[in-house]
Amino acid sequence: MAKALRFIIVPKVAHPWFDEVNKGARAQADILSRELGVEIVVDYMPPLMADVAEQNAILENAAGSRPSGIAVDPVDAVGHMTAINHIRDQGIPVVLFDSPSPDRSITSVGNNFAQQGIIAAERLVKLIGYAGKVAVMQGFPTAPNHKERYEAQMAVLGKYPSITIVDGGIDNDDIETARQQASAVLESHPDLRGYLCCDASGPIGIATAIKQAGKSGKVRVVSMDGIKPILEAIKEGVIESSSATIPKMQGSMSVLMLWQASLGVQMPQAIDTGIDVITQENVDIYLADAV
């Protein structure tokens, strides 16, 4: 009988977006188990907060259990994540998800993060007539995907001389931090016309702050991602739209890649899971699939 396989998913932090990744990973494991007749288990090990030291510790602990493979969304560049290098030195397959790959030696499952940021920024500047103040909230600044989105958005905004860029805060992938910082920005800039962000925590906090300030529809928000609270805010009109990743597919393809890596198959550098643009016109389709 074939040997059972155990794959570990390590996200940046405990968060609803990563719960969707976990659902996709488990669904793929169930399919492979059924079709191959092999037990495939997915262990989900989220850090309590987005922190390099904490994620490294969880990764080291995960490696000590000798899994068949580990998928990780790193909070810093891979070269700075010492645990990832230790894991690979032990011969344990590693796949990145929701993060770009630094080189061909490690597979990345996700989308074009710079393009995702460009889509959001170009949509926002069009909404506000290419003029006015726009705030950009960073996520976890060292996270490669958040960094690529932020830099792409800033580059787009910089093309328009009538756009004034406002520091929108740093949420560090925490919803309440995003709310607090957005509230402060809205108070400091009563003439703010638009808000961008770089992760799935930012839009939830920003939307709450806008509602509390009574500025729904006055400050236009184009967000990242499409988990249920973001979808509900789009439906309500607090968030205009979102340039969204597809987390369940990222989880699913991460497990599929780890299974192939466990067989010694030559791996691709990147698996592109695509970008969805979610608006009031199509949000009901996404809400119907949200749990």
Foldseek 3Di string as FASTA:
>chain_A
DDAAAEEEEEEQADDPLVVLLVLLQVVLQVVCCVVVVHHYYYHYDYHHARDLVRSLVSLQVVVVVPGQAYEYQHLAQPVVNVSVVVSVVVVRAYEYELAADPDFPHAYEEAQLLVLLLVLLVVQCVVVVLADEEEEEAESCRRRSSVSSVVSNVVNNVVRPRYDYDHQYYQNNAQCSLLVSLLVVCVVCVRAAEYEYRDDSNVLSNLVSCVVVVCQVRYEYEYEADADSNLVSQLVRSYFKYWYINSSVRSSVRNVQSVCVSVVHNDGRYDHRDIDIGGNVCSVVVNVVHD
